[in-house]
Amino acid sequence: MTVIRRTAGLMALLLVTPLLAGCNEEEQARPIHLEKGVYRGAADTQLSADQTRALQQRSAGQRF
């Protein structure tokens, strides 16, 4: 009975260990307290004139 109990305890420990290890390293450096209305991500890139024109043409077909 003690062998079964030890084996079950060891199996449970092996299954729970990854959960105790936590998140990936890049997720651990993530800020927890965020400022409301402030975006801290990467800055958007500017669209070229061709991209802007293509978006305007696509949106023109969606007007009612």
Protein backbone atom coordinates (compact mmCIF):
# COMPACT_ATOMS: atom_id res chain seq x y z
CA MET A 1 0.00 0.00 0.00
CA THR A 2 2.82 2.42 0.81
CA VAL A 3 4.49 1.66 -2.53
CA ILE A 4 1.30 2.60 -4.37
CA ARG A 5 0.93 5.73 -2.27
CA ARG A 6 4.54 6.77 -2.91
CA THR A 7 4.19 6.09 -6.63
CA ALA A 8 0.96 8.10 -6.81
CA GLY A 9 2.58 10.95 -4.88
CA LEU A 10 5.60 10.94 -7.18
CA MET A 11 3.37 10.91 -10.27
CA ALA A 12 1.33 13.81 -8.89
CA LEU A 13 4.51 15.76 -8.16
CA LEU A 14 5.80 15.15 -11.68
CA LEU A 15 2.52 16.34 -13.17
CA VAL A 16 2.31 19.46 -10.98
CA THR A 17 5.95 20.54 -11.32
CA PRO A 18 5.47 22.27 -14.72
CA LEU A 19 2.61 24.27 -13.22
CA LEU A 20 4.82 25.40 -10.36
CA ALA A 21 7.54 26.50 -12.78
CA GLY A 22 5.40 29.44 -13.92
CA CYS A 23 5.15 31.21 -17.23
CA ASN A 24 7.70 31.69 -19.97
CA GLU A 25 10.47 34.19 -19.28
CA GLU A 26 9.10 36.77 -21.72
CA GLU A 27 5.73 36.62 -19.99
CA GLN A 28 7.28 37.12 -16.56
CA ALA A 29 8.70 40.53 -17.57
CA ARG A 30 5.24 41.76 -18.59
CA PRO A 31 4.00 44.77 -16.58
CA ILE A 32 1.18 43.95 -14.21
CA HIS A 33 0.02 47.47 -13.36
CA LEU A 34 -1.10 49.21 -16.51
CA GLU A 35 -1.89 52.87 -16.97
CA LYS A 36 -5.38 53.48 -18.28
CA GLY A 37 -5.36 54.91 -21.79
CA VAL A 38 -1.61 54.42 -22.35
CA TYR A 39 -0.45 51.99 -25.04
CA ARG A 40 3.01 50.61 -24.35
CA GLY A 41 3.38 48.44 -27.42
CA ALA A 42 5.55 49.03 -30.44
CA ALA A 43 4.82 52.16 -32.47
CA ASP A 44 2.79 51.76 -35.64
CA THR A 45 4.54 52.07 -38.96
CA GLN A 46 3.40 54.72 -41.42
CA LEU A 47 1.46 53.52 -44.46
CA SER A 48 2.76 54.36 -47.89
CA ALA A 49 0.68 56.44 -50.29
CA ASP A 50 -0.18 53.30 -52.28
CA GLN A 51 -1.36 51.46 -49.17
CA THR A 52 -3.48 54.43 -48.09
CA ARG A 53 -5.06 54.69 -51.54
CA ALA A 54 -5.78 50.93 -51.59
CA LEU A 55 -7.49 51.15 -48.19
CA GLN A 56 -9.57 54.13 -49.31
CA GLN A 57 -10.69 52.23 -52.42
CA ARG A 58 -11.65 49.19 -50.36
CA SER A 59 -13.62 51.25 -47.85
CA ALA A 60 -15.40 53.19 -50.63
CA GLY A 61 -17.17 49.99 -51.66
CA GLN A 62 -18.52 49.50 -48.14
CA ARG A 63 -20.46 52.76 -47.95
CA PHE A 64 -24.24 52.68 -48.11
